[in-house]
PDB file of N, CA and C in Angstrom:
ATOM      1  N   MET A   1       0.818  -1.191   0.000  1.00  0.00           N
ATOM      2  CA  MET A   1       0.000   0.000   0.000  1.00  0.00           C
ATOM      3  C   MET A   1       0.858   1.249   0.000  1.00  0.00           C
ATOM      4  N   GLN A   2       2.114   1.093  -0.111  1.00  0.00           N
ATOM      5  CA  GLN A   2       3.012   2.226  -0.116  1.00  0.00           C
ATOM      6  C   GLN A   2       2.662   3.163  -1.259  1.00  0.00           C
ATOM      7  N   GLY A   3       2.634   4.453  -0.945  1.00  0.00           N
ATOM      8  CA  GLY A   3       2.390   5.451  -1.968  1.00  0.00           C
ATOM      9  C   GLY A   3       0.923   5.718  -2.260  1.00  0.00           C
ATOM     10  N   ARG A   4       0.025   5.063  -1.559  1.00  0.00           N
ATOM     11  CA  ARG A   4      -1.402   5.292  -1.792  1.00  0.00           C
ATOM     12  C   ARG A   4      -1.960   6.144  -0.680  1.00  0.00           C
ATOM     13  N   ASP A   5      -2.820   7.074  -1.040  1.00  0.00           N
ATOM     14  CA  ASP A   5      -3.461   7.947  -0.065  1.00  0.00           C
ATOM     15  C   ASP A   5      -4.839   7.374   0.233  1.00  0.00           C
ATOM     16  N   ILE A   6      -5.075   7.020   1.486  1.00  0.00           N
ATOM     17  CA  ILE A   6      -6.364   6.472   1.878  1.00  0.00           C
ATOM     18  C   ILE A   6      -7.116   7.530   2.670  1.00  0.00           C
ATOM     19  N   PRO A   7      -8.250   8.006   2.156  1.00  0.00           N
ATOM     20  CA  PRO A   7      -9.022   9.012   2.901  1.00  0.00           C
ATOM     21  C   PRO A   7      -9.486   8.449   4.239  1.00  0.00           C
ATOM     22  N   ARG A   8      -9.218   9.139   5.321  1.00  0.00           N
ATOM     23  CA  ARG A   8      -9.559   8.659   6.660  1.00  0.00           C
ATOM     24  C   ARG A   8     -11.055   8.512   6.874  1.00  0.00           C
ATOM     25  N   ASP A   9     -11.853   9.338   6.261  1.00  0.00           N
ATOM     26  CA  ASP A   9     -13.292   9.241   6.459  1.00  0.00           C
ATOM     27  C   ASP A   9     -13.887   8.027   5.759  1.00  0.00           C
ATOM     28  N   GLU A  10     -13.196   7.470   4.765  1.00  0.00           N
ATOM     29  CA  GLU A  10     -13.723   6.348   4.007  1.00  0.00           C
ATOM     30  C   GLU A  10     -13.327   5.005   4.586  1.00  0.00           C
ATOM     31  N   GLU A  11     -12.259   4.941   5.340  1.00  0.00           N
ATOM     32  CA  GLU A  11     -11.759   3.681   5.879  1.00  0.00           C
ATOM     33  C   GLU A  11     -11.770   3.738   7.397  1.00  0.00           C
ATOM     34  N   PRO A  12     -12.844   3.244   8.031  1.00  0.00           N
ATOM     35  CA  PRO A  12     -12.871   3.284   9.498  1.00  0.00           C
ATOM     36  C   PRO A  12     -11.836   2.335  10.088  1.00  0.00           C
ATOM     37  N   PRO A  13     -11.222   2.724  11.187  1.00  0.00           N
ATOM     38  CA  PRO A  13     -10.221   1.864  11.808  1.00  0.00           C
ATOM     39  C   PRO A  13     -10.840   0.581  12.356  1.00  0.00           C
ATOM     40  N   VAL A  14     -10.027  -0.476  12.384  1.00  0.00           N
ATOM     41  CA  VAL A  14     -10.439  -1.778  12.884  1.00  0.00           C
ATOM     42  C   VAL A  14     -10.020  -1.928  14.347  1.00  0.00           C
ATOM     43  N   CYS A  15      -8.816  -1.442  14.673  1.00  0.00           N
ATOM     44  CA  CYS A  15      -8.289  -1.527  16.030  1.00  0.00           C
ATOM     45  C   CYS A  15      -7.201  -0.466  16.184  1.00  0.00           C
ATOM     46  N   ARG A  16      -6.625  -0.388  17.389  1.00  0.00           N
ATOM     47  CA  ARG A  16      -5.615   0.651  17.638  1.00  0.00           C
ATOM     48  C   ARG A  16      -4.520   0.131  18.542  1.00  0.00           C
ATOM     49  N   ILE A  17      -3.377   0.778  18.483  1.00  0.00           N
ATOM     50  CA  ILE A  17      -2.331   0.590  19.482  1.00  0.00           C
ATOM     51  C   ILE A  17      -2.019   1.972  20.047  1.00  0.00           C
ATOM     52  N   ALA A  18      -1.823   2.037  21.340  1.00  0.00           N
ATOM     53  CA  ALA A  18      -1.634   3.323  22.003  1.00  0.00           C
ATOM     54  C   ALA A  18      -0.176   3.640  22.277  1.00  0.00           C
ATOM     55  N   ASN A  19       0.713   2.679  22.124  1.00  0.00           N
ATOM     56  CA  ASN A  19       2.110   2.912  22.493  1.00  0.00           C
ATOM     57  C   ASN A  19       3.055   2.521  21.360  1.00  0.00           C
ATOM     58  N   GLY A  20       2.734   2.970  20.168  1.00  0.00           N
ATOM     59  CA  GLY A  20       3.586   2.681  19.012  1.00  0.00           C
ATOM     60  C   GLY A  20       4.723   3.681  18.898  1.00  0.00           C
ATOM     61  N   ILE A  21       5.355   3.677  17.766  1.00  0.00           N
ATOM     62  CA  ILE A  21       6.440   4.628  17.490  1.00  0.00           C
ATOM     63  C   ILE A  21       5.846   6.029  17.389  1.00  0.00           C
ATOM     64  N   THR A  22       6.440   6.964  18.080  1.00  0.00           N
ATOM     65  CA  THR A  22       5.959   8.350  18.059  1.00  0.00           C
ATOM     66  C   THR A  22       6.325   9.009  16.734  1.00  0.00           C
ATOM     67  N   VAL A  23       5.340   9.648  16.133  1.00  0.00           N
ATOM     68  CA  VAL A  23       5.575  10.414  14.912  1.00  0.00           C
ATOM     69  C   VAL A  23       5.243  11.873  15.182  1.00  0.00           C
ATOM     70  N   THR A  24       5.884  12.753  14.424  1.00  0.00           N
ATOM     71  CA  THR A  24       5.675  14.191  14.552  1.00  0.00           C
ATOM     72  C   THR A  24       5.249  14.733  13.200  1.00  0.00           C
ATOM     73  N   ASP A  25       4.214  15.568  13.202  1.00  0.00           N
ATOM     74  CA  ASP A  25       3.762  16.143  11.938  1.00  0.00           C
ATOM     75  C   ASP A  25       4.526  17.428  11.626  1.00  0.00           C
ATOM     76  N   GLU A  26       4.183  18.039  10.505  1.00  0.00           N
ATOM     77  CA  GLU A  26       4.919  19.207  10.026  1.00  0.00           C
ATOM     78  C   GLU A  26       4.741  20.448  10.883  1.00  0.00           C
ATOM     79  N   VAL A  27       3.739  20.470  11.782  1.00  0.00           N
ATOM     80  CA  VAL A  27       3.551  21.630  12.655  1.00  0.00           C
ATOM     81  C   VAL A  27       3.962  21.346  14.096  1.00  0.00           C
ATOM     82  N   GLY A  28       4.571  20.167  14.333  1.00  0.00           N
ATOM     83  CA  GLY A  28       5.121  19.868  15.645  1.00  0.00           C
ATOM     84  C   GLY A  28       4.241  19.027  16.564  1.00  0.00           C
ATOM     85  N   GLY A  29       3.071  18.597  16.104  1.00  0.00           N
ATOM     86  CA  GLY A  29       2.232  17.717  16.924  1.00  0.00           C
ATOM     87  C   GLY A  29       2.802  16.318  16.960  1.00  0.00           C
ATOM     88  N   HIS A  30       2.583  15.589  18.076  1.00  0.00           N
ATOM     89  CA  HIS A  30       3.117  14.231  18.216  1.00  0.00           C
ATOM     90  C   HIS A  30       2.002  13.261  18.588  1.00  0.00           C
ATOM     91  N   SER A  31       2.202  12.019  18.226  1.00  0.00           N
ATOM     92  CA  SER A  31       1.317  10.946  18.674  1.00  0.00           C
ATOM     93  C   SER A  31       2.048   9.620  18.573  1.00  0.00           C
ATOM     94  N   SER A  32       1.749   8.731  19.518  1.00  0.00           N
ATOM     95  CA  SER A  32       2.265   7.367  19.458  1.00  0.00           C
ATOM     96  C   SER A  32       1.121   6.377  19.257  1.00  0.00           C
ATOM     97  N   MET A  33      -0.087   6.899  19.004  1.00  0.00           N
ATOM     98  CA  MET A  33      -1.237   6.038  18.750  1.00  0.00           C
ATOM     99  C   MET A  33      -1.353   5.783  17.247  1.00  0.00           C
ATOM    100  N   TRP A  34      -1.621   4.525  16.907  1.00  0.00           N
ATOM    101  CA  TRP A  34      -1.777   4.116  15.519  1.00  0.00           C
ATOM    102  C   TRP A  34      -3.077   3.342  15.362  1.00  0.00           C
ATOM    103  N   PHE A  35      -3.707   3.483  14.198  1.00  0.00           N
ATOM    104  CA  PHE A  35      -4.943   2.780  13.881  1.00  0.00           C
ATOM    105  C   PHE A  35      -4.717   1.861  12.689  1.00  0.00           C
ATOM    106  N   ARG A  36      -5.238   0.632  12.779  1.00  0.00           N
ATOM    107  CA  ARG A  36      -5.164  -0.277  11.636  1.00  0.00           C
ATOM    108  C   ARG A  36      -6.449  -0.155  10.841  1.00  0.00           C
ATOM    109  N   VAL A  37      -6.311   0.012   9.532  1.00  0.00           N
ATOM    110  CA  VAL A  37      -7.462   0.088   8.626  1.00  0.00           C
ATOM    111  C   VAL A  37      -7.324  -0.998   7.571  1.00  0.00           C
ATOM    112  N   GLU A  38      -8.432  -1.342   6.967  1.00  0.00           N
ATOM    113  CA  GLU A  38      -8.416  -2.284   5.859  1.00  0.00           C
ATOM    114  C   GLU A  38      -8.915  -1.550   4.624  1.00  0.00           C
ATOM    115  N   HIS A  39      -8.200  -1.739   3.513  1.00  0.00           N
ATOM    116  CA  HIS A  39      -8.524  -1.027   2.281  1.00  0.00           C
ATOM    117  C   HIS A  39      -8.267  -1.961   1.108  1.00  0.00           C
ATOM    118  N   ASP A  40      -9.299  -2.243   0.349  1.00  0.00           N
ATOM    119  CA  ASP A  40      -9.180  -3.128  -0.824  1.00  0.00           C
ATOM    120  C   ASP A  40      -8.532  -4.466  -0.480  1.00  0.00           C
ATOM    121  N   GLY A  41      -8.886  -5.012   0.694  1.00  0.00           N
ATOM    122  CA  GLY A  41      -8.366  -6.308   1.094  1.00  0.00           C
ATOM    123  C   GLY A  41      -6.986  -6.272   1.724  1.00  0.00           C
ATOM    124  N   ASP A  42      -6.358  -5.113   1.800  1.00  0.00           N
ATOM    125  CA  ASP A  42      -5.040  -4.966   2.418  1.00  0.00           C
ATOM    126  C   ASP A  42      -5.188  -4.298   3.778  1.00  0.00           C
ATOM    127  N   GLN A  43      -4.170  -4.414   4.608  1.00  0.00           N
ATOM    128  CA  GLN A  43      -4.137  -3.729   5.892  1.00  0.00           C
ATOM    129  C   GLN A  43      -3.114  -2.615   5.832  1.00  0.00           C
ATOM    130  N   ALA A  44      -3.412  -1.531   6.523  1.00  0.00           N
ATOM    131  CA  ALA A  44      -2.473  -0.409   6.606  1.00  0.00           C
ATOM    132  C   ALA A  44      -2.547   0.178   8.007  1.00  0.00           C
ATOM    133  N   TRP A  45      -1.475   0.820   8.408  1.00  0.00           N
ATOM    134  CA  TRP A  45      -1.430   1.520   9.692  1.00  0.00           C
ATOM    135  C   TRP A  45      -1.453   3.020   9.438  1.00  0.00           C
ATOM    136  N   MET A  46      -2.306   3.714  10.182  1.00  0.00           N
ATOM    137  CA  MET A  46      -2.434   5.172  10.071  1.00  0.00           C
ATOM    138  C   MET A  46      -2.088   5.788  11.412  1.00  0.00           C
ATOM    139  N   PRO A  47      -1.196   6.769  11.447  1.00  0.00           N
ATOM    140  CA  PRO A  47      -0.913   7.431  12.720  1.00  0.00           C
ATOM    141  C   PRO A  47      -2.096   8.304  13.126  1.00  0.00           C
ATOM    142  N   ALA A  48      -2.258   8.482  14.415  1.00  0.00           N
ATOM    143  CA  ALA A  48      -3.375   9.289  14.928  1.00  0.00           C
ATOM    144  C   ALA A  48      -3.104  10.781  14.813  1.00  0.00           C
ATOM    145  N   ILE A  49      -1.884  11.168  14.502  1.00  0.00           N
ATOM    146  CA  ILE A  49      -1.503  12.575  14.553  1.00  0.00           C
ATOM    147  C   ILE A  49      -2.375  13.501  13.705  1.00  0.00           C
ATOM    148  N   PRO A  50      -2.820  13.147  12.495  1.00  0.00           N
ATOM    149  CA  PRO A  50      -3.629  14.116  11.766  1.00  0.00           C
ATOM    150  C   PRO A  50      -5.089  14.151  12.212  1.00  0.00           C
ATOM    151  N   MET A  51      -5.463  13.328  13.178  1.00  0.00           N
ATOM    152  CA  MET A  51      -6.846  13.288  13.635  1.00  0.00           C
ATOM    153  C   MET A  51      -7.082  14.377  14.673  1.00  0.00           C
ATOM    154  N   ARG A  52      -8.338  14.780  14.788  1.00  0.00           N
ATOM    155  CA  ARG A  52      -8.695  15.744  15.820  1.00  0.00           C
ATOM    156  C   ARG A  52      -8.606  15.059  17.191  1.00  0.00           C
ATOM    157  N   PRO A  53      -8.204  15.784  18.229  1.00  0.00           N
ATOM    158  CA  PRO A  53      -8.036  15.161  19.557  1.00  0.00           C
ATOM    159  C   PRO A  53      -9.272  14.415  20.043  1.00  0.00           C
ATOM    160  N   GLU A  54     -10.461  14.941  19.789  1.00  0.00           N
ATOM    161  CA  GLU A  54     -11.676  14.262  20.266  1.00  0.00           C
ATOM    162  C   GLU A  54     -11.900  12.924  19.557  1.00  0.00           C
ATOM    163  N   GLN A  55     -11.389  12.765  18.345  1.00  0.00           N
ATOM    164  CA  GLN A  55     -11.505  11.485  17.653  1.00  0.00           C
ATOM    165  C   GLN A  55     -10.617  10.432  18.310  1.00  0.00           C
ATOM    166  N   VAL A  56      -9.476  10.833  18.790  1.00  0.00           N
ATOM    167  CA  VAL A  56      -8.530   9.908  19.404  1.00  0.00           C
ATOM    168  C   VAL A  56      -8.931   9.603  20.843  1.00  0.00           C
ATOM    169  N   GLU A  57      -9.272  10.628  21.608  1.00  0.00           N
ATOM    170  CA  GLU A  57      -9.567  10.460  23.027  1.00  0.00           C
ATOM    171  C   GLU A  57     -10.840   9.654  23.268  1.00  0.00           C
ATOM    172  N   ASN A  58     -11.812   9.744  22.394  1.00  0.00           N
ATOM    173  CA  ASN A  58     -13.097   9.093  22.617  1.00  0.00           C
ATOM    174  C   ASN A  58     -13.240   7.781  21.886  1.00  0.00           C
ATOM    175  N   THR A  59     -12.179   7.237  21.385  1.00  0.00           N
ATOM    176  CA  THR A  59     -12.267   5.993  20.627  1.00  0.00           C
ATOM    177  C   THR A  59     -12.593   4.819  21.541  1.00  0.00           C
ATOM    178  N   THR A  60     -13.461   3.948  21.069  1.00  0.00           N
ATOM    179  CA  THR A  60     -13.810   2.740  21.811  1.00  0.00           C
ATOM    180  C   THR A  60     -13.306   1.506  21.055  1.00  0.00           C
ATOM    181  N   LEU A  61     -12.378   1.717  20.160  1.00  0.00           N
ATOM    182  CA  LEU A  61     -11.828   0.600  19.390  1.00  0.00           C
ATOM    183  C   LEU A  61     -11.053  -0.353  20.286  1.00  0.00           C
ATOM    184  N   PRO A  62     -11.087  -1.630  19.960  1.00  0.00           N
ATOM    185  CA  PRO A  62     -10.273  -2.556  20.724  1.00  0.00           C
ATOM    186  C   PRO A  62      -8.802  -2.377  20.397  1.00  0.00           C
ATOM    187  N   GLY A  63      -7.954  -2.844  21.289  1.00  0.00           N
ATOM    188  CA  GLY A  63      -6.532  -2.881  21.002  1.00  0.00           C
ATOM    189  C   GLY A  63      -6.260  -3.932  19.946  1.00  0.00           C
ATOM    190  N   CYS A  64      -5.289  -3.679  19.100  1.00  0.00           N
ATOM    191  CA  CYS A  64      -4.921  -4.652  18.071  1.00  0.00           C
ATOM    192  C   CYS A  64      -4.188  -5.818  18.720  1.00  0.00           C
ATOM    193  N   PRO A  65      -4.438  -7.022  18.250  1.00  0.00           N
ATOM    194  CA  PRO A  65      -3.713  -8.166  18.808  1.00  0.00           C
ATOM    195  C   PRO A  65      -2.220  -8.031  18.539  1.00  0.00           C
ATOM    196  N   GLY A  66      -1.444  -8.414  19.494  1.00  0.00           N
ATOM    197  CA  GLY A  66      -0.026  -8.182  19.410  1.00  0.00           C
ATOM    198  C   GLY A  66       0.788  -9.324  19.012  1.00  0.00           C
TER     199      GLY A  66
END
């Protein structure tokens, strides 16, 4: 799935991890939370950093199996 842009509103997350690798966006925000999504039969990981804080804080998604 490298190089493909997956719209976040179209692919709801399946599960999450809260203590992944920390990423920083271009304006200095950080997050170590990641969401797994499924797209066209493939799996991808999306960092939580571009999401609004209320989307991340209020998530009831299960943790991804480790």
